[in-house]
Amino acid sequence: MSDAETGGPPTELSRHLALEVGKAPAIFRYGAIIGYVVYAFIVVFVDYHAMYLFYHNGGILPLMVLILLGCALGVDPAATYLFRSRPLLLMGRISYNQYILQETVWDFAEYNIGVHSSFWKKVLFPVLLLASAYLCERFFTSPLTQWQRWRQEKNIKGIDDWAIEKTLSIKSTLSEKVSIW
């Protein structure tokens, strides 16, 4: 680390610090690639059921920290090129919609389409989930977010703001009455 203003070593007078990425250990500079390669070996070669408690009691945490540090430094090729690619940025945008819609899409595929074979569950479900999450993001989440930002920029109050103000005024009125007693 160095002083962001002077470029020298940090002192007591330093207000902002800058991370010197070039001086970080190589294991951190390439942490995302190293971490994902080690994780792939674990998935392929280690019996998951035998190591279940190890994984779920924090055994894989050092590997996840390595991946996070590698991505946070920003010089790892995986963080620089792969995670900033358009397909993965799109997947990041629709990930919450995937989470919310997964049960609904599963039920739809199971009951309306009649997906009973494991092949169709493995092929059709992810396609339906991605398509529905994208459509939800495109036609619902994104326009709603833009509308909320516009409303905030224009300082337009809605029913939610009115309800919060009304609740706070009632609460302050009640606290005044209680303090009189």
N, C-alpha and C. Protein backbone atom coordinates (compact mmCIF):
# COMPACT_ATOMS: atom_id res chain seq x y z
N MET A 1 0.84 -1.17 0.00
CA MET A 1 0.00 0.00 0.00
C MET A 1 0.89 1.24 0.00
N SER A 2 0.30 2.31 -0.56
CA SER A 2 1.03 3.57 -0.59
C SER A 2 0.04 4.71 -0.38
N ASP A 3 0.58 5.87 -0.09
CA ASP A 3 -0.25 7.06 0.05
C ASP A 3 -0.75 7.44 -1.33
N ALA A 4 -2.06 7.58 -1.48
CA ALA A 4 -2.65 7.85 -2.79
C ALA A 4 -2.27 9.22 -3.32
N GLU A 5 -2.05 10.18 -2.45
CA GLU A 5 -1.74 11.54 -2.90
C GLU A 5 -0.27 11.73 -3.25
N THR A 6 0.64 11.17 -2.43
CA THR A 6 2.07 11.37 -2.65
C THR A 6 2.74 10.23 -3.39
N GLY A 7 2.17 9.04 -3.33
CA GLY A 7 2.78 7.87 -3.94
C GLY A 7 3.84 7.23 -3.07
N GLY A 8 4.13 7.83 -1.93
CA GLY A 8 5.12 7.29 -1.01
C GLY A 8 4.50 6.33 -0.01
N PRO A 9 5.30 5.89 0.95
CA PRO A 9 4.76 4.98 1.96
C PRO A 9 3.73 5.70 2.84
N PRO A 10 2.76 4.97 3.37
CA PRO A 10 1.74 5.61 4.21
C PRO A 10 2.32 6.13 5.52
N THR A 11 1.82 7.27 5.96
CA THR A 11 2.22 7.87 7.23
C THR A 11 0.96 8.15 8.04
N GLU A 12 1.14 8.74 9.20
CA GLU A 12 -0.01 9.09 10.02
C GLU A 12 -0.87 10.17 9.38
N LEU A 13 -0.28 10.96 8.50
CA LEU A 13 -1.00 12.04 7.84
C LEU A 13 -1.71 11.59 6.56
N SER A 14 -1.52 10.33 6.17
CA SER A 14 -2.16 9.82 4.95
C SER A 14 -3.67 9.79 5.12
N ARG A 15 -4.36 10.38 4.14
CA ARG A 15 -5.83 10.36 4.19
C ARG A 15 -6.40 9.25 3.32
N HIS A 16 -5.75 8.94 2.20
CA HIS A 16 -6.22 7.91 1.29
C HIS A 16 -5.06 6.97 0.96
N LEU A 17 -5.37 5.68 0.91
CA LEU A 17 -4.36 4.69 0.58
C LEU A 17 -4.66 4.08 -0.79
N ALA A 18 -3.62 3.70 -1.49
CA ALA A 18 -3.77 3.03 -2.78
C ALA A 18 -3.09 1.67 -2.70
N LEU A 19 -3.74 0.68 -3.28
CA LEU A 19 -3.20 -0.67 -3.29
C LEU A 19 -2.24 -0.81 -4.46
N GLU A 20 -1.05 -1.26 -4.19
CA GLU A 20 -0.06 -1.48 -5.24
C GLU A 20 -0.22 -2.92 -5.73
N VAL A 21 -0.97 -3.06 -6.80
CA VAL A 21 -1.33 -4.38 -7.31
C VAL A 21 -0.10 -5.14 -7.78
N GLY A 22 0.86 -4.46 -8.36
CA GLY A 22 2.06 -5.13 -8.86
C GLY A 22 2.89 -5.79 -7.78
N LYS A 23 2.77 -5.31 -6.54
CA LYS A 23 3.54 -5.89 -5.43
C LYS A 23 2.78 -6.98 -4.69
N ALA A 24 1.56 -7.26 -5.09
CA ALA A 24 0.78 -8.33 -4.44
C ALA A 24 1.38 -9.67 -4.81
N PRO A 25 1.33 -10.64 -3.91
CA PRO A 25 1.85 -11.98 -4.23
C PRO A 25 1.12 -12.57 -5.44
N ALA A 26 1.84 -13.37 -6.21
CA ALA A 26 1.29 -13.95 -7.44
C ALA A 26 0.05 -14.79 -7.15
N ILE A 27 0.01 -15.45 -6.01
CA ILE A 27 -1.16 -16.29 -5.70
C ILE A 27 -2.42 -15.44 -5.57
N PHE A 28 -2.28 -14.17 -5.17
CA PHE A 28 -3.43 -13.28 -5.09
C PHE A 28 -3.73 -12.63 -6.45
N ARG A 29 -2.67 -12.30 -7.21
CA ARG A 29 -2.90 -11.69 -8.52
C ARG A 29 -3.59 -12.65 -9.48
N TYR A 30 -3.37 -13.94 -9.30
CA TYR A 30 -4.02 -14.95 -10.14
C TYR A 30 -4.93 -15.84 -9.29
N GLY A 31 -5.48 -15.28 -8.23
CA GLY A 31 -6.28 -16.05 -7.28
C GLY A 31 -7.55 -16.62 -7.86
N ALA A 32 -8.20 -15.90 -8.77
CA ALA A 32 -9.45 -16.41 -9.34
C ALA A 32 -9.18 -17.64 -10.19
N ILE A 33 -8.16 -17.59 -11.03
CA ILE A 33 -7.85 -18.74 -11.88
C ILE A 33 -7.38 -19.91 -11.03
N ILE A 34 -6.47 -19.67 -10.10
CA ILE A 34 -5.97 -20.74 -9.24
C ILE A 34 -7.11 -21.34 -8.43
N GLY A 35 -7.94 -20.48 -7.84
CA GLY A 35 -9.04 -20.95 -7.02
C GLY A 35 -10.05 -21.78 -7.80
N TYR A 36 -10.41 -21.33 -8.99
CA TYR A 36 -11.37 -22.09 -9.79
C TYR A 36 -10.79 -23.40 -10.32
N VAL A 37 -9.50 -23.42 -10.63
CA VAL A 37 -8.86 -24.67 -11.07
C VAL A 37 -8.85 -25.67 -9.91
N VAL A 38 -8.47 -25.22 -8.71
CA VAL A 38 -8.48 -26.11 -7.55
C VAL A 38 -9.90 -26.59 -7.26
N TYR A 39 -10.88 -25.68 -7.36
CA TYR A 39 -12.27 -26.06 -7.13
C TYR A 39 -12.74 -27.09 -8.16
N ALA A 40 -12.33 -26.94 -9.42
CA ALA A 40 -12.70 -27.91 -10.45
C ALA A 40 -12.11 -29.28 -10.13
N PHE A 41 -10.85 -29.32 -9.67
CA PHE A 41 -10.25 -30.60 -9.28
C PHE A 41 -11.00 -31.22 -8.11
N ILE A 42 -11.42 -30.41 -7.17
CA ILE A 42 -12.19 -30.93 -6.03
C ILE A 42 -13.51 -31.53 -6.50
N VAL A 43 -14.19 -30.83 -7.39
CA VAL A 43 -15.48 -31.31 -7.89
C VAL A 43 -15.31 -32.61 -8.66
N VAL A 44 -14.26 -32.71 -9.46
CA VAL A 44 -14.08 -33.88 -10.31
C VAL A 44 -13.54 -35.07 -9.53
N PHE A 45 -12.57 -34.85 -8.63
CA PHE A 45 -11.85 -35.97 -8.05
C PHE A 45 -12.19 -36.30 -6.60
N VAL A 46 -12.92 -35.46 -5.90
CA VAL A 46 -13.20 -35.71 -4.48
C VAL A 46 -14.65 -36.13 -4.33
N ASP A 47 -14.87 -37.16 -3.53
CA ASP A 47 -16.22 -37.64 -3.26
C ASP A 47 -16.97 -36.61 -2.41
N TYR A 48 -18.00 -36.02 -2.98
CA TYR A 48 -18.74 -34.95 -2.31
C TYR A 48 -19.38 -35.45 -1.01
N HIS A 49 -19.96 -36.62 -1.04
CA HIS A 49 -20.68 -37.12 0.14
C HIS A 49 -19.73 -37.42 1.30
N ALA A 50 -18.53 -37.84 0.99
CA ALA A 50 -17.56 -38.13 2.05
C ALA A 50 -17.05 -36.83 2.69
N MET A 51 -17.04 -35.75 1.94
CA MET A 51 -16.50 -34.48 2.42
C MET A 51 -17.59 -33.45 2.71
N TYR A 52 -18.84 -33.87 2.79
CA TYR A 52 -19.97 -32.95 2.95
C TYR A 52 -19.80 -32.04 4.17
N LEU A 53 -19.51 -32.61 5.31
CA LEU A 53 -19.37 -31.80 6.52
C LEU A 53 -18.16 -30.87 6.44
N PHE A 54 -17.10 -31.34 5.80
CA PHE A 54 -15.92 -30.49 5.63
C PHE A 54 -16.27 -29.25 4.81
N TYR A 55 -16.99 -29.43 3.71
CA TYR A 55 -17.38 -28.30 2.86
C TYR A 55 -18.30 -27.33 3.61
N HIS A 56 -19.28 -27.87 4.30
CA HIS A 56 -20.30 -27.03 4.91
C HIS A 56 -19.91 -26.48 6.28
N ASN A 57 -18.78 -26.86 6.78
CA ASN A 57 -18.30 -26.29 8.04
C ASN A 57 -17.11 -25.37 7.82
N GLY A 58 -16.97 -24.83 6.62
CA GLY A 58 -15.96 -23.83 6.35
C GLY A 58 -14.68 -24.35 5.73
N GLY A 59 -14.63 -25.60 5.36
CA GLY A 59 -13.41 -26.16 4.79
C GLY A 59 -13.04 -25.57 3.44
N ILE A 60 -14.02 -25.10 2.71
CA ILE A 60 -13.75 -24.55 1.39
C ILE A 60 -13.61 -23.02 1.44
N LEU A 61 -13.75 -22.45 2.61
CA LEU A 61 -13.68 -21.00 2.78
C LEU A 61 -12.34 -20.41 2.32
N PRO A 62 -11.18 -20.99 2.64
CA PRO A 62 -9.92 -20.41 2.14
C PRO A 62 -9.87 -20.33 0.62
N LEU A 63 -10.44 -21.31 -0.04
CA LEU A 63 -10.49 -21.30 -1.50
C LEU A 63 -11.37 -20.16 -2.01
N MET A 64 -12.50 -19.94 -1.36
CA MET A 64 -13.39 -18.84 -1.76
C MET A 64 -12.74 -17.48 -1.49
N VAL A 65 -11.99 -17.35 -0.40
CA VAL A 65 -11.28 -16.11 -0.10
C VAL A 65 -10.22 -15.85 -1.17
N LEU A 66 -9.53 -16.89 -1.59
CA LEU A 66 -8.53 -16.76 -2.65
C LEU A 66 -9.18 -16.27 -3.94
N ILE A 67 -10.33 -16.82 -4.29
CA ILE A 67 -11.05 -16.39 -5.49
C ILE A 67 -11.47 -14.93 -5.37
N LEU A 68 -12.01 -14.56 -4.22
CA LEU A 68 -12.45 -13.17 -4.01
C LEU A 68 -11.29 -12.19 -4.07
N LEU A 69 -10.17 -12.54 -3.45
CA LEU A 69 -9.00 -11.65 -3.50
C LEU A 69 -8.47 -11.52 -4.92
N GLY A 70 -8.45 -12.62 -5.64
CA GLY A 70 -8.00 -12.57 -7.03
C GLY A 70 -8.88 -11.68 -7.89
N CYS A 71 -10.19 -11.76 -7.66
CA CYS A 71 -11.11 -10.90 -8.42
C CYS A 71 -11.04 -9.45 -7.96
N ALA A 72 -10.84 -9.24 -6.66
CA ALA A 72 -10.83 -7.88 -6.12
C ALA A 72 -9.62 -7.08 -6.58
N LEU A 73 -8.48 -7.73 -6.76
CA LEU A 73 -7.30 -7.00 -7.22
C LEU A 73 -7.48 -6.47 -8.64
N GLY A 74 -8.25 -7.19 -9.45
CA GLY A 74 -8.58 -6.71 -10.78
C GLY A 74 -7.55 -6.97 -11.85
N VAL A 75 -6.48 -7.69 -11.55
CA VAL A 75 -5.48 -7.97 -12.58
C VAL A 75 -5.52 -9.43 -13.03
N ASP A 76 -6.29 -10.25 -12.36
CA ASP A 76 -6.44 -11.65 -12.74
C ASP A 76 -7.13 -11.71 -14.11
N PRO A 77 -6.59 -12.50 -15.03
CA PRO A 77 -7.22 -12.58 -16.36
C PRO A 77 -8.69 -12.99 -16.30
N ALA A 78 -9.04 -13.86 -15.36
CA ALA A 78 -10.44 -14.25 -15.24
C ALA A 78 -11.30 -13.05 -14.86
N ALA A 79 -10.82 -12.25 -13.92
CA ALA A 79 -11.58 -11.07 -13.50
C ALA A 79 -11.57 -9.98 -14.56
N THR A 80 -10.47 -9.87 -15.29
CA THR A 80 -10.34 -8.80 -16.27
C THR A 80 -11.13 -9.08 -17.54
N TYR A 81 -11.05 -10.28 -18.06
CA TYR A 81 -11.66 -10.57 -19.35
C TYR A 81 -12.93 -11.41 -19.24
N LEU A 82 -12.88 -12.49 -18.51
CA LEU A 82 -14.01 -13.43 -18.46
C LEU A 82 -15.20 -12.84 -17.71
N PHE A 83 -14.99 -12.35 -16.50
CA PHE A 83 -16.11 -11.88 -15.68
C PHE A 83 -16.67 -10.54 -16.14
N ARG A 84 -15.96 -9.86 -17.03
CA ARG A 84 -16.47 -8.59 -17.57
C ARG A 84 -17.00 -8.75 -18.98
N SER A 85 -17.14 -10.00 -19.43
CA SER A 85 -17.69 -10.24 -20.76
C SER A 85 -19.20 -10.02 -20.76
N ARG A 86 -19.75 -9.71 -21.91
CA ARG A 86 -21.18 -9.40 -22.00
C ARG A 86 -22.07 -10.54 -21.53
N PRO A 87 -21.79 -11.80 -21.90
CA PRO A 87 -22.68 -12.88 -21.44
C PRO A 87 -22.69 -13.01 -19.91
N LEU A 88 -21.53 -12.88 -19.27
CA LEU A 88 -21.52 -13.01 -17.82
C LEU A 88 -22.10 -11.78 -17.12
N LEU A 89 -21.96 -10.60 -17.72
CA LEU A 89 -22.61 -9.42 -17.16
C LEU A 89 -24.13 -9.56 -17.26
N LEU A 90 -24.61 -10.13 -18.37
CA LEU A 90 -26.04 -10.38 -18.51
C LEU A 90 -26.51 -11.40 -17.48
N MET A 91 -25.73 -12.46 -17.29
CA MET A 91 -26.09 -13.47 -16.27
C MET A 91 -26.14 -12.84 -14.88
N GLY A 92 -25.24 -11.92 -14.61
CA GLY A 92 -25.27 -11.22 -13.32
C GLY A 92 -26.51 -10.37 -13.16
N ARG A 93 -26.94 -9.73 -14.26
CA ARG A 93 -28.14 -8.90 -14.19
C ARG A 93 -29.40 -9.71 -13.97
N ILE A 94 -29.47 -10.91 -14.55
CA ILE A 94 -30.69 -11.69 -14.43
C ILE A 94 -30.64 -12.73 -13.31
N SER A 95 -29.56 -12.76 -12.54
CA SER A 95 -29.41 -13.81 -11.53
C SER A 95 -30.48 -13.75 -10.44
N TYR A 96 -30.85 -12.55 -10.01
CA TYR A 96 -31.89 -12.46 -8.97
C TYR A 96 -33.23 -12.94 -9.51
N ASN A 97 -33.52 -12.61 -10.77
CA ASN A 97 -34.77 -13.09 -11.36
C ASN A 97 -34.75 -14.61 -11.50
N GLN A 98 -33.60 -15.19 -11.79
CA GLN A 98 -33.50 -16.65 -11.84
C GLN A 98 -33.82 -17.24 -10.48
N TYR A 99 -33.26 -16.65 -9.45
CA TYR A 99 -33.50 -17.13 -8.09
C TYR A 99 -34.98 -17.07 -7.75
N ILE A 100 -35.62 -15.96 -8.05
CA ILE A 100 -37.03 -15.78 -7.72
C ILE A 100 -37.93 -16.70 -8.54
N LEU A 101 -37.61 -16.92 -9.80
CA LEU A 101 -38.49 -17.65 -10.71
C LEU A 101 -38.24 -19.15 -10.77
N GLN A 102 -37.21 -19.67 -10.12
CA GLN A 102 -36.87 -21.07 -10.34
C GLN A 102 -37.98 -22.04 -9.95
N GLU A 103 -38.65 -21.82 -8.84
CA GLU A 103 -39.73 -22.73 -8.42
C GLU A 103 -40.92 -22.63 -9.36
N THR A 104 -41.26 -21.42 -9.76
CA THR A 104 -42.39 -21.22 -10.67
C THR A 104 -42.13 -21.86 -12.02
N VAL A 105 -40.94 -21.67 -12.56
CA VAL A 105 -40.61 -22.25 -13.86
C VAL A 105 -40.55 -23.77 -13.76
N TRP A 106 -40.03 -24.29 -12.66
CA TRP A 106 -39.99 -25.75 -12.47
C TRP A 106 -41.40 -26.33 -12.46
N ASP A 107 -42.30 -25.71 -11.70
CA ASP A 107 -43.68 -26.19 -11.64
C ASP A 107 -44.35 -26.09 -13.01
N PHE A 108 -44.11 -24.98 -13.73
CA PHE A 108 -44.68 -24.82 -15.06
C PHE A 108 -44.19 -25.93 -15.99
N ALA A 109 -42.89 -26.18 -15.98
CA ALA A 109 -42.32 -27.21 -16.86
C ALA A 109 -42.83 -28.60 -16.49
N GLU A 110 -42.98 -28.85 -15.21
CA GLU A 110 -43.39 -30.18 -14.77
C GLU A 110 -44.87 -30.45 -15.07
N TYR A 111 -45.72 -29.47 -14.82
CA TYR A 111 -47.16 -29.71 -14.96
C TYR A 111 -47.71 -29.39 -16.34
N ASN A 112 -47.25 -28.34 -16.97
CA ASN A 112 -47.83 -27.94 -18.25
C ASN A 112 -47.16 -28.56 -19.46
N ILE A 113 -45.88 -28.77 -19.38
CA ILE A 113 -45.16 -29.34 -20.52
C ILE A 113 -45.01 -30.85 -20.34
N GLY A 114 -45.08 -31.32 -19.12
CA GLY A 114 -44.96 -32.75 -18.87
C GLY A 114 -43.52 -33.22 -18.92
N VAL A 115 -42.66 -32.49 -18.30
CA VAL A 115 -41.24 -32.85 -18.28
C VAL A 115 -41.04 -33.93 -17.22
N HIS A 116 -40.95 -35.16 -17.66
CA HIS A 116 -40.79 -36.25 -16.69
C HIS A 116 -39.46 -36.98 -16.82
N SER A 117 -38.85 -36.94 -17.99
CA SER A 117 -37.56 -37.61 -18.13
C SER A 117 -36.44 -36.70 -17.64
N SER A 118 -35.40 -37.31 -17.16
CA SER A 118 -34.29 -36.51 -16.62
C SER A 118 -33.61 -35.70 -17.72
N PHE A 119 -33.61 -36.20 -18.96
CA PHE A 119 -33.00 -35.45 -20.06
C PHE A 119 -33.72 -34.13 -20.26
N TRP A 120 -35.02 -34.15 -20.32
CA TRP A 120 -35.78 -32.92 -20.55
C TRP A 120 -35.68 -31.98 -19.36
N LYS A 121 -35.57 -32.54 -18.15
CA LYS A 121 -35.39 -31.67 -16.98
C LYS A 121 -34.05 -30.97 -17.04
N LYS A 122 -33.03 -31.66 -17.51
CA LYS A 122 -31.69 -31.07 -17.56
C LYS A 122 -31.54 -30.11 -18.73
N VAL A 123 -32.30 -30.29 -19.80
CA VAL A 123 -32.16 -29.45 -20.98
C VAL A 123 -33.20 -28.33 -20.99
N LEU A 124 -34.45 -28.67 -20.80
CA LEU A 124 -35.52 -27.69 -20.95
C LEU A 124 -35.60 -26.71 -19.78
N PHE A 125 -35.43 -27.19 -18.57
CA PHE A 125 -35.57 -26.30 -17.41
C PHE A 125 -34.58 -25.13 -17.43
N PRO A 126 -33.28 -25.35 -17.66
CA PRO A 126 -32.37 -24.19 -17.69
C PRO A 126 -32.71 -23.21 -18.81
N VAL A 127 -33.13 -23.71 -19.96
CA VAL A 127 -33.49 -22.83 -21.07
C VAL A 127 -34.71 -21.99 -20.70
N LEU A 128 -35.74 -22.63 -20.15
CA LEU A 128 -36.94 -21.89 -19.73
C LEU A 128 -36.62 -20.89 -18.62
N LEU A 129 -35.76 -21.30 -17.69
CA LEU A 129 -35.41 -20.41 -16.58
C LEU A 129 -34.65 -19.19 -17.08
N LEU A 130 -33.68 -19.39 -17.94
CA LEU A 130 -32.92 -18.25 -18.49
C LEU A 130 -33.83 -17.33 -19.31
N ALA A 131 -34.70 -17.92 -20.13
CA ALA A 131 -35.60 -17.10 -20.95
C ALA A 131 -36.57 -16.30 -20.09
N SER A 132 -37.15 -16.95 -19.10
CA SER A 132 -38.12 -16.23 -18.25
C SER A 132 -37.42 -15.16 -17.40
N ALA A 133 -36.22 -15.45 -16.91
CA ALA A 133 -35.48 -14.46 -16.13
C ALA A 133 -35.10 -13.26 -17.00
N TYR A 134 -34.69 -13.52 -18.24
CA TYR A 134 -34.35 -12.42 -19.14
C TYR A 134 -35.57 -11.57 -19.45
N LEU A 135 -36.69 -12.21 -19.75
CA LEU A 135 -37.91 -11.46 -20.06
C LEU A 135 -38.37 -10.65 -18.86
N CYS A 136 -38.26 -11.22 -17.68
CA CYS A 136 -38.65 -10.50 -16.46
C CYS A 136 -37.73 -9.29 -16.25
N GLU A 137 -36.45 -9.47 -16.46
CA GLU A 137 -35.50 -8.36 -16.32
C GLU A 137 -35.77 -7.28 -17.36
N ARG A 138 -36.00 -7.70 -18.60
CA ARG A 138 -36.16 -6.77 -19.71
C ARG A 138 -37.44 -5.96 -19.62
N PHE A 139 -38.54 -6.61 -19.24
CA PHE A 139 -39.84 -5.93 -19.31
C PHE A 139 -40.44 -5.56 -17.96
N PHE A 140 -39.80 -5.97 -16.87
CA PHE A 140 -40.35 -5.62 -15.56
C PHE A 140 -39.31 -4.95 -14.66
N THR A 141 -38.25 -5.65 -14.34
CA THR A 141 -37.28 -5.16 -13.37
C THR A 141 -36.56 -3.90 -13.85
N SER A 142 -36.06 -3.93 -15.08
CA SER A 142 -35.31 -2.79 -15.59
C SER A 142 -36.19 -1.54 -15.75
N PRO A 143 -37.39 -1.64 -16.35
CA PRO A 143 -38.24 -0.43 -16.42
C PRO A 143 -38.65 0.09 -15.03
N LEU A 144 -38.91 -0.81 -14.10
CA LEU A 144 -39.27 -0.38 -12.76
C LEU A 144 -38.11 0.36 -12.09
N THR A 145 -36.91 -0.15 -12.26
CA THR A 145 -35.73 0.51 -11.69
C THR A 145 -35.52 1.88 -12.32
N GLN A 146 -35.67 1.97 -13.63
CA GLN A 146 -35.52 3.27 -14.30
C GLN A 146 -36.58 4.25 -13.82
N TRP A 147 -37.81 3.79 -13.64
CA TRP A 147 -38.88 4.66 -13.17
C TRP A 147 -38.60 5.15 -11.75
N GLN A 148 -38.10 4.24 -10.89
CA GLN A 148 -37.78 4.64 -9.52
C GLN A 148 -36.65 5.66 -9.49
N ARG A 149 -35.64 5.49 -10.33
CA ARG A 149 -34.54 6.46 -10.40
C ARG A 149 -35.05 7.81 -10.90
N TRP A 150 -35.91 7.79 -11.92
CA TRP A 150 -36.48 9.03 -12.44
C TRP A 150 -37.28 9.73 -11.35
N ARG A 151 -38.06 8.96 -10.62
CA ARG A 151 -38.88 9.53 -9.55
C ARG A 151 -38.00 10.14 -8.46
N GLN A 152 -36.91 9.49 -8.13
CA GLN A 152 -36.00 10.01 -7.11
C GLN A 152 -35.31 11.28 -7.61
N GLU A 153 -34.90 11.32 -8.88
CA GLU A 153 -34.26 12.51 -9.43
C GLU A 153 -35.21 13.71 -9.42
N LYS A 154 -36.47 13.47 -9.71
CA LYS A 154 -37.47 14.54 -9.75
C LYS A 154 -38.04 14.86 -8.37
N ASN A 155 -37.63 14.08 -7.36
CA ASN A 155 -38.10 14.24 -5.98
C ASN A 155 -39.63 14.12 -5.90
N ILE A 156 -40.16 13.11 -6.61
CA ILE A 156 -41.59 12.86 -6.61
C ILE A 156 -41.90 11.86 -5.51
N LYS A 157 -42.80 12.22 -4.63
CA LYS A 157 -43.17 11.33 -3.53
C LYS A 157 -44.34 10.47 -3.96
N GLY A 158 -44.28 9.22 -3.56
CA GLY A 158 -45.35 8.28 -3.87
C GLY A 158 -46.06 7.84 -2.61
N ILE A 159 -46.92 6.85 -2.75
CA ILE A 159 -47.71 6.37 -1.62
C ILE A 159 -46.82 5.77 -0.54
N ASP A 160 -45.71 5.16 -0.93
CA ASP A 160 -44.81 4.59 0.06
C ASP A 160 -44.18 5.68 0.92
N ASP A 161 -43.77 6.79 0.31
CA ASP A 161 -43.20 7.90 1.07
C ASP A 161 -44.25 8.51 2.00
N TRP A 162 -45.47 8.64 1.49
CA TRP A 162 -46.56 9.19 2.30
C TRP A 162 -46.81 8.30 3.51
N ALA A 163 -46.82 6.97 3.30
CA ALA A 163 -47.08 6.03 4.40
C ALA A 163 -45.98 6.10 5.45
N ILE A 164 -44.75 6.25 5.03
CA ILE A 164 -43.65 6.35 6.00
C ILE A 164 -43.78 7.62 6.82
N GLU A 165 -44.05 8.74 6.14
CA GLU A 165 -44.21 10.01 6.86
C GLU A 165 -45.39 9.94 7.83
N LYS A 166 -46.51 9.35 7.41
CA LYS A 166 -47.69 9.24 8.26
C LYS A 166 -47.38 8.37 9.48
N THR A 167 -46.69 7.27 9.29
CA THR A 167 -46.33 6.38 10.39
C THR A 167 -45.42 7.10 11.39
N LEU A 168 -44.46 7.84 10.89
CA LEU A 168 -43.55 8.56 11.78
C LEU A 168 -44.27 9.65 12.56
N SER A 169 -45.23 10.34 11.92
CA SER A 169 -45.96 11.39 12.63
C SER A 169 -46.87 10.80 13.70
N ILE A 170 -47.50 9.66 13.41
CA ILE A 170 -48.33 8.99 14.41
C ILE A 170 -47.47 8.52 15.57
N LYS A 171 -46.30 7.97 15.26
CA LYS A 171 -45.40 7.49 16.30
C LYS A 171 -44.95 8.63 17.20
N SER A 172 -44.62 9.79 16.63
CA SER A 172 -44.18 10.91 17.45
C SER A 172 -45.33 11.46 18.29
N THR A 173 -46.55 11.47 17.73
CA THR A 173 -47.72 11.92 18.48
C THR A 173 -47.98 11.00 19.67
N LEU A 174 -47.90 9.70 19.45
CA LEU A 174 -48.12 8.74 20.53
C LEU A 174 -47.04 8.86 21.60
N SER A 175 -45.80 9.09 21.19
CA SER A 175 -44.73 9.22 22.19
C SER A 175 -44.91 10.47 23.03
N GLU A 176 -45.46 11.55 22.44
CA GLU A 176 -45.74 12.76 23.22
C GLU A 176 -46.84 12.51 24.22
N LYS A 177 -47.89 11.79 23.83
CA LYS A 177 -49.00 11.51 24.74
C LYS A 177 -48.56 10.61 25.88
N VAL A 178 -47.71 9.62 25.57
CA VAL A 178 -47.24 8.71 26.61
C VAL A 178 -46.35 9.43 27.59
N SER A 179 -45.54 10.37 27.10
CA SER A 179 -44.63 11.09 28.02
C SER A 179 -45.40 12.03 28.94
N ILE A 180 -46.62 12.47 28.54
CA ILE A 180 -47.43 13.33 29.39
C ILE A 180 -47.96 12.56 30.58
N TRP A 181 -48.33 11.31 30.39
CA TRP A 181 -48.90 10.50 31.47
C TRP A 181 -47.83 10.24 32.47
